[in-house]
């Protein structure tokens, strides 16, 4: 709280501060006498410099008693309240309330880890303020020119979460990403059937070095479905893949075999339907699977679910394309004789 005074004489400032404390108009507690005594003994350098005086006087405000750790948590909640790219920096206003709040914010490195792609100046500033804390890089469709993205990619070794609309791949994407836990990639908007709206994820992305990667969302991108990225995942989301680039059921099964800790599986318009596919040698056991969400032909839904074992509490959401009523018989049989569904 900023207590300002029109008086320029130190004694007048001291007098006004004592009056405010006694009236309880600012502090409103039972320690007014102690504060009056402290004001009477205020160091002369505070009295002679208005800026220092205001900073010192603000230390008596009740809000100044909040532990810095609690203030930082409040600031973090503020950052989460502004999710739209046009408001990425609005939360910073809270750090301008007073000198103390600003200093607390500047000392909290993790408060500056969400880089505002689209504002290169602030991306560079936050890279400095965040020190070596793990970074969150979120690129949106309406980030014109992706200004600041290049600066962020120069720090791939610090990125923990990366969500991006990829206009093109370049050499910067080939650096290792040892801390990366979440990767979301899309090539943007446009007709699903248009090859121009799709891109291929290079096999040497991050040099294949992503030991912490646990969540992958791929939208409108083709990929090498045998890539080491598809390993040890807990969340897998593949959607709207160009028909010629879709993974086969064989490739999906191999991915699932490499992800025994998988918790959520989303497959939307992404499976290459074929009569010629290899049945897994054994049922794939996914003991932690909590949710399955599929949008695919009924035959593919049946073939996939029939060869994986998951808890009866797993949530199933299925949108199936049915070309022939006969295609539903195997799936209906699975629902009847398969694991109980809750």
Protein backbone atom coordinates (compact mmCIF):
# COMPACT_ATOMS: atom_id res chain seq x y z
CA UNK A 1 0.00 0.00 0.00
CA UNK A 2 1.43 3.29 -1.03
CA UNK A 3 1.01 6.08 1.53
CA UNK A 4 1.66 9.38 -0.19
CA UNK A 5 1.82 12.83 1.35
CA UNK A 6 1.81 16.29 -0.15
CA UNK A 7 4.14 17.56 2.61
CA UNK A 8 7.76 17.90 1.65
CA UNK A 9 9.10 18.41 5.17
CA UNK A 10 10.19 15.19 6.93
CA UNK A 11 8.46 16.15 10.19
CA UNK A 12 5.19 16.64 8.33
CA UNK A 13 5.50 13.18 6.81
CA UNK A 14 6.18 11.73 10.24
CA UNK A 15 3.16 13.53 11.69
CA UNK A 16 0.84 12.34 8.93
CA UNK A 17 2.03 8.74 9.30
CA UNK A 18 1.39 8.82 13.07
CA UNK A 19 -2.10 10.16 12.47
CA UNK A 20 -2.94 7.43 9.98
CA UNK A 21 -1.74 4.73 12.34
CA UNK A 22 -3.69 6.06 15.34
CA UNK A 23 -6.89 6.43 13.33
CA UNK A 24 -6.54 2.87 12.09
CA UNK A 25 -7.49 4.07 8.62
CA UNK A 26 -4.67 2.01 7.14
CA UNK A 27 -3.49 -0.59 9.57
CA UNK A 28 -6.51 -1.30 11.73
CA UNK A 29 -4.92 -3.50 14.41
CA UNK A 30 -3.86 -3.25 18.08
CA UNK A 31 -0.18 -2.47 17.57
CA UNK A 32 -0.58 1.19 16.60
CA UNK A 33 1.52 2.43 19.53
CA UNK A 34 4.46 0.28 18.52
CA UNK A 35 4.23 1.57 14.96
CA UNK A 36 4.06 5.19 16.10
CA UNK A 37 7.25 4.59 18.06
CA UNK A 38 8.93 3.10 15.00
CA UNK A 39 7.86 6.06 12.88
CA UNK A 40 9.26 8.46 15.48
CA UNK A 41 12.57 6.64 15.20
CA UNK A 42 12.56 6.45 11.39
CA UNK A 43 16.08 6.78 9.93
CA UNK A 44 16.81 10.24 8.60
CA UNK A 45 17.64 8.96 5.11
CA UNK A 46 14.05 7.76 4.77
CA UNK A 47 12.68 11.11 5.88
CA UNK A 48 14.78 13.05 3.38
CA UNK A 49 13.95 10.93 0.32
CA UNK A 50 10.21 10.58 -0.48
CA UNK A 51 10.69 7.38 -2.50
CA UNK A 52 12.60 5.62 0.28
CA UNK A 53 10.09 6.94 2.81
CA UNK A 54 7.14 5.42 0.95
CA UNK A 55 8.90 2.08 0.55
CA UNK A 56 9.76 1.98 4.26
CA UNK A 57 6.29 3.09 5.34
CA UNK A 58 4.66 0.39 3.20
CA UNK A 59 6.40 -2.26 5.28
CA UNK A 60 3.91 -1.48 8.08
CA UNK A 61 0.87 -2.37 5.95
CA UNK A 62 -0.85 -5.66 6.93
CA UNK A 63 -0.44 -7.03 3.40
CA UNK A 64 3.32 -6.67 3.79
CA UNK A 65 3.22 -9.36 6.46
CA UNK A 66 2.33 -12.03 3.89
CA UNK A 67 5.26 -14.43 3.47
CA UNK A 68 6.98 -14.05 0.08
CA UNK A 69 6.22 -17.71 -0.67
CA UNK A 70 2.49 -17.03 -0.31
CA UNK A 71 2.68 -13.92 -2.48
CA UNK A 72 4.42 -15.89 -5.21
CA UNK A 73 1.66 -18.51 -5.17
CA UNK A 74 -0.90 -15.72 -5.63
CA UNK A 75 1.13 -14.37 -8.54
CA UNK A 76 1.24 -17.84 -10.11
CA UNK A 77 -2.56 -18.01 -9.96
CA UNK A 78 -2.64 -14.66 -11.75
CA UNK A 79 -0.50 -16.02 -14.58
CA UNK A 80 -2.87 -18.95 -15.03
CA UNK A 81 -5.81 -16.60 -15.25
CA UNK A 82 -4.59 -15.17 -18.55
CA UNK A 83 -4.58 -18.00 -21.06
CA UNK A 84 -5.40 -16.19 -24.29
CA UNK A 85 -2.33 -15.04 -26.22
CA UNK A 86 -3.58 -11.46 -26.47
CA UNK A 87 -3.52 -11.27 -22.66
CA UNK A 88 -0.28 -13.14 -22.03
CA UNK A 89 1.31 -10.17 -20.26
CA UNK A 90 -1.69 -8.67 -18.45
CA UNK A 91 -0.84 -10.50 -15.23
CA UNK A 92 2.42 -8.54 -14.91
CA UNK A 93 0.42 -5.55 -13.63
CA UNK A 94 0.19 -7.26 -10.25
CA UNK A 95 3.97 -6.93 -9.89
CA UNK A 96 3.69 -3.14 -10.19
CA UNK A 97 1.50 -2.65 -7.11
CA UNK A 98 4.42 -1.79 -4.84
CA UNK A 99 8.17 -2.09 -4.52
CA UNK A 100 8.00 -5.15 -2.27
CA UNK A 101 5.70 -7.08 -4.60
CA UNK A 102 7.97 -6.33 -7.54
CA UNK A 103 11.06 -7.54 -5.69
CA UNK A 104 9.29 -10.72 -4.58
CA UNK A 105 8.21 -11.38 -8.18
CA UNK A 106 11.66 -10.76 -9.63
CA UNK A 107 13.21 -13.21 -7.16
CA UNK A 108 10.77 -15.98 -8.15
CA UNK A 109 12.37 -17.51 -11.24
CA UNK A 110 9.53 -19.96 -11.93
CA UNK A 111 7.11 -17.03 -12.26
CA UNK A 112 8.76 -16.08 -15.56
CA UNK A 113 8.89 -19.45 -17.26
CA UNK A 114 5.79 -19.14 -19.49
CA UNK A 115 7.24 -17.42 -22.54
CA UNK A 116 4.88 -15.05 -24.41
CA UNK A 117 5.62 -16.10 -27.99
CA UNK A 118 4.63 -13.22 -30.23
CA UNK A 119 6.48 -10.64 -28.13
CA UNK A 120 10.19 -11.14 -28.72
CA UNK A 121 11.30 -8.43 -26.29
CA UNK A 122 9.45 -10.06 -23.41
CA UNK A 123 10.58 -13.55 -24.41
CA UNK A 124 14.20 -12.43 -24.09
CA UNK A 125 13.45 -10.65 -20.79
CA UNK A 126 11.72 -13.70 -19.32
CA UNK A 127 14.56 -15.96 -20.38
CA UNK A 128 16.79 -13.77 -18.21
CA UNK A 129 14.37 -13.52 -15.27
CA UNK A 130 13.66 -17.25 -15.22
CA UNK A 131 17.35 -18.05 -14.70
CA UNK A 132 17.66 -21.80 -15.32
CA UNK A 133 14.09 -22.80 -14.41
CA UNK A 134 12.25 -25.17 -16.82
CA UNK A 135 10.33 -23.31 -19.52
CA UNK A 136 6.81 -23.49 -20.97
CA UNK A 137 6.57 -22.51 -24.65
CA UNK A 138 3.05 -22.10 -26.05
CA UNK A 139 2.54 -20.95 -29.66
CA UNK A 140 -0.96 -20.11 -30.85
CA UNK A 141 -2.49 -19.66 -34.29
CA UNK A 142 -2.80 -15.92 -33.74
CA UNK A 143 0.84 -15.36 -32.82
CA UNK A 144 1.78 -13.46 -35.96
CA UNK A 145 5.21 -14.43 -37.22
CA UNK A 146 5.98 -16.40 -34.04
CA UNK A 147 8.33 -13.63 -32.93
CA UNK A 148 10.43 -14.82 -30.05
CA UNK A 149 10.16 -18.50 -30.97
CA UNK A 150 13.73 -18.62 -32.27
CA UNK A 151 14.99 -17.21 -28.96
CA UNK A 152 13.00 -19.85 -27.09
CA UNK A 153 14.32 -22.68 -29.27
CA UNK A 154 17.86 -21.63 -28.47
CA UNK A 155 17.02 -22.82 -24.94
CA UNK A 156 15.50 -26.19 -25.84
CA UNK A 157 17.54 -27.83 -23.11
CA UNK A 158 15.37 -25.92 -20.60
CA UNK A 159 11.93 -26.47 -22.20
CA UNK A 160 9.56 -28.63 -20.14
CA UNK A 161 6.38 -28.08 -22.17
CA UNK A 162 6.19 -27.20 -25.87
CA UNK A 163 2.96 -26.56 -27.73
CA UNK A 164 3.40 -25.18 -31.20
CA UNK A 165 1.89 -24.55 -34.60
CA UNK A 166 4.79 -25.46 -36.85
CA UNK A 167 5.23 -23.33 -39.98
CA UNK A 168 8.46 -25.13 -40.84
CA UNK A 169 11.26 -27.14 -39.30
CA UNK A 170 14.80 -25.85 -39.07
CA UNK A 171 18.12 -26.75 -37.48
CA UNK A 172 17.10 -25.29 -34.11
CA UNK A 173 14.65 -28.16 -33.63
CA UNK A 174 17.48 -30.70 -33.72
CA UNK A 175 18.89 -29.79 -30.30
CA UNK A 176 18.35 -32.25 -27.41
CA UNK A 177 15.41 -31.58 -25.09
CA UNK A 178 16.28 -33.49 -21.90
CA UNK A 179 13.60 -31.81 -19.73
CA UNK A 180 10.74 -31.97 -22.25
CA UNK A 181 7.70 -33.65 -20.68
CA UNK A 182 4.85 -32.43 -22.91
CA UNK A 183 4.92 -32.02 -26.70
CA UNK A 184 1.95 -30.75 -28.69
CA UNK A 185 2.44 -30.24 -32.42
CA UNK A 186 0.01 -29.16 -35.13
CA UNK A 187 0.59 -27.72 -38.57
CA UNK A 188 -2.25 -25.25 -38.34
CA UNK A 189 -5.59 -24.89 -40.03
CA UNK A 190 -6.95 -25.81 -43.44
CA UNK A 191 -8.88 -28.66 -45.07
CA UNK A 192 -8.06 -32.03 -43.55
CA UNK A 193 -7.64 -33.54 -47.02
CA UNK A 194 -5.12 -30.92 -48.15
CA UNK A 195 -1.45 -32.03 -48.05
CA UNK A 196 -0.53 -28.36 -47.56
CA UNK A 197 -2.13 -28.46 -44.10
CA UNK A 198 0.18 -31.29 -43.02
CA UNK A 199 3.87 -31.55 -42.31
CA UNK A 200 6.19 -34.39 -41.43
CA UNK A 201 7.87 -34.48 -38.04
CA UNK A 202 11.56 -35.10 -38.76
CA UNK A 203 13.03 -38.24 -37.25
CA UNK A 204 15.99 -36.28 -35.88
CA UNK A 205 13.71 -33.88 -33.97
CA UNK A 206 15.49 -33.05 -30.70
CA UNK A 207 18.15 -35.52 -31.88
CA UNK A 208 15.86 -38.18 -30.47
CA UNK A 209 16.92 -37.09 -26.98
CA UNK A 210 13.75 -36.64 -24.91
CA UNK A 211 14.16 -38.92 -21.86
CA UNK A 212 11.47 -37.09 -19.86
CA UNK A 213 8.79 -37.04 -22.57
CA UNK A 214 5.49 -38.44 -21.25
CA UNK A 215 2.76 -36.61 -23.19
CA UNK A 216 2.43 -36.33 -26.99
CA UNK A 217 -0.34 -34.60 -28.95
CA UNK A 218 0.03 -34.79 -32.73
CA UNK A 219 -2.49 -33.07 -34.97
CA UNK A 220 -2.26 -32.93 -38.76
CA UNK A 221 1.34 -34.10 -38.80
CA UNK A 222 2.81 -37.21 -40.30
CA UNK A 223 5.58 -38.93 -38.41
CA UNK A 224 7.81 -41.95 -38.30
CA UNK A 225 5.55 -44.03 -36.08
CA UNK A 226 8.52 -46.17 -35.03
CA UNK A 227 10.28 -43.09 -33.65
CA UNK A 228 11.76 -43.32 -30.12
CA UNK A 229 9.40 -40.47 -29.15
CA UNK A 230 6.61 -43.03 -28.90
CA UNK A 231 8.00 -44.77 -25.85
CA UNK A 232 7.26 -44.69 -22.10
CA UNK A 233 4.33 -42.31 -22.63
CA UNK A 234 1.49 -41.74 -20.18
CA UNK A 235 -0.69 -39.67 -22.55
CA UNK A 236 -0.98 -40.18 -26.31
CA UNK A 237 -3.20 -38.11 -28.60
CA UNK A 238 -3.09 -38.52 -32.41
CA UNK A 239 -5.71 -36.77 -34.53
CA UNK A 240 -6.65 -35.71 -38.06
CA UNK A 241 -3.79 -37.35 -39.90
CA UNK A 242 -3.71 -37.26 -43.71
CA UNK A 243 -4.96 -40.64 -44.92
CA UNK A 244 -1.73 -41.58 -46.71
CA UNK A 245 0.32 -40.84 -43.58
CA UNK A 246 -1.78 -42.60 -40.96
CA UNK A 247 -0.25 -45.30 -38.75
CA UNK A 248 -1.47 -48.85 -39.27
CA UNK A 249 -2.92 -50.95 -36.48
CA UNK A 250 0.40 -52.80 -36.38
CA UNK A 251 2.22 -49.54 -35.69
CA UNK A 252 -0.35 -48.50 -33.07
CA UNK A 253 0.08 -51.83 -31.28
CA UNK A 254 3.87 -51.46 -31.27
CA UNK A 255 3.54 -47.99 -29.75
CA UNK A 256 1.23 -49.35 -27.03
CA UNK A 257 3.67 -52.16 -26.27
CA UNK A 258 6.34 -49.54 -25.59
CA UNK A 259 4.02 -47.53 -23.30
CA UNK A 260 2.93 -49.88 -20.48
CA UNK A 261 2.21 -46.91 -18.18
CA UNK A 262 -0.24 -45.29 -20.61
CA UNK A 263 -3.13 -43.50 -18.87
CA UNK A 264 -5.03 -41.79 -21.72
CA UNK A 265 -5.35 -42.77 -25.38
CA UNK A 266 -6.97 -40.48 -27.97
CA UNK A 267 -7.13 -41.68 -31.59
CA UNK A 268 -9.22 -39.48 -33.90
CA UNK A 269 -9.27 -40.01 -37.66
CA UNK A 270 -5.75 -41.36 -37.61
CA UNK A 271 -5.79 -45.13 -38.19
CA UNK A 272 -4.94 -46.55 -41.61
CA UNK A 273 -7.66 -49.15 -42.11
CA UNK A 274 -6.52 -52.34 -43.77
CA UNK A 275 -7.55 -55.97 -43.92
CA UNK A 276 -3.88 -56.92 -43.87
CA UNK A 277 -2.63 -56.38 -40.35
CA UNK A 278 -0.74 -58.57 -37.93
CA UNK A 279 -2.44 -59.74 -34.76
CA UNK A 280 -0.23 -59.04 -31.70
CA UNK A 281 1.49 -62.16 -30.39
CA UNK A 282 -0.04 -61.47 -26.99
CA UNK A 283 -2.58 -59.16 -25.41
CA UNK A 284 -1.15 -55.75 -24.57
CA UNK A 285 -1.66 -55.06 -20.86
CA UNK A 286 -2.25 -51.43 -19.89
CA UNK A 287 -3.01 -51.51 -16.14
CA UNK A 288 -3.07 -47.72 -15.70
CA UNK A 289 -5.27 -46.87 -18.69
CA UNK A 290 -8.02 -44.54 -17.46
CA UNK A 291 -9.53 -43.23 -20.68
CA UNK A 292 -9.86 -44.28 -24.32
CA UNK A 293 -11.33 -41.88 -26.87
CA UNK A 294 -11.59 -43.06 -30.47
CA UNK A 295 -13.07 -41.78 -33.71
CA UNK A 296 -12.55 -44.55 -36.26
CA UNK A 297 -14.33 -47.23 -38.28
CA UNK A 298 -16.06 -49.78 -36.06
CA UNK A 299 -13.77 -52.57 -37.30
CA UNK A 300 -10.67 -50.67 -36.17
CA UNK A 301 -12.22 -49.88 -32.78
CA UNK A 302 -12.97 -53.56 -32.25
CA UNK A 303 -9.58 -54.80 -33.42
CA UNK A 304 -7.76 -52.38 -31.15
CA UNK A 305 -9.84 -52.89 -28.02
CA UNK A 306 -9.96 -56.65 -28.50
CA UNK A 307 -6.18 -56.90 -28.18
CA UNK A 308 -5.53 -54.67 -25.18
CA UNK A 309 -6.27 -55.42 -21.55
CA UNK A 310 -7.29 -52.50 -19.34
CA UNK A 311 -9.13 -51.97 -16.03
CA UNK A 312 -12.94 -52.24 -15.98
CA UNK A 313 -13.06 -48.65 -14.70
CA UNK A 314 -11.53 -47.31 -17.91
CA UNK A 315 -13.72 -44.68 -19.57
CA UNK A 316 -14.57 -45.41 -23.22
CA UNK A 317 -15.74 -42.79 -25.69
CA UNK A 318 -16.23 -44.21 -29.19
CA UNK A 319 -17.43 -42.55 -32.39
CA UNK A 320 -17.53 -45.21 -35.04
CA UNK A 321 -18.00 -45.07 -38.78
CA UNK A 322 -20.21 -47.96 -39.89
CA UNK A 323 -20.14 -48.85 -43.60
CA UNK A 324 -21.83 -52.21 -43.17
CA UNK A 325 -24.08 -53.40 -40.35
CA UNK A 326 -22.13 -56.65 -40.37
CA UNK A 327 -19.06 -54.71 -39.21
CA UNK A 328 -20.77 -54.05 -35.88
CA UNK A 329 -21.19 -57.74 -34.96
CA UNK A 330 -17.62 -58.31 -33.73
CA UNK A 331 -17.76 -55.14 -31.69
CA UNK A 332 -21.14 -55.98 -30.15
CA UNK A 333 -19.74 -59.40 -29.30
CA UNK A 334 -16.78 -57.72 -27.62
CA UNK A 335 -19.10 -55.55 -25.52
CA UNK A 336 -21.09 -58.63 -24.53
CA UNK A 337 -18.25 -61.00 -23.72
CA UNK A 338 -15.37 -58.62 -23.11
CA UNK A 339 -14.31 -57.06 -19.80
CA UNK A 340 -17.10 -55.48 -17.75
CA UNK A 341 -17.67 -51.81 -18.46
CA UNK A 342 -18.61 -49.37 -15.72
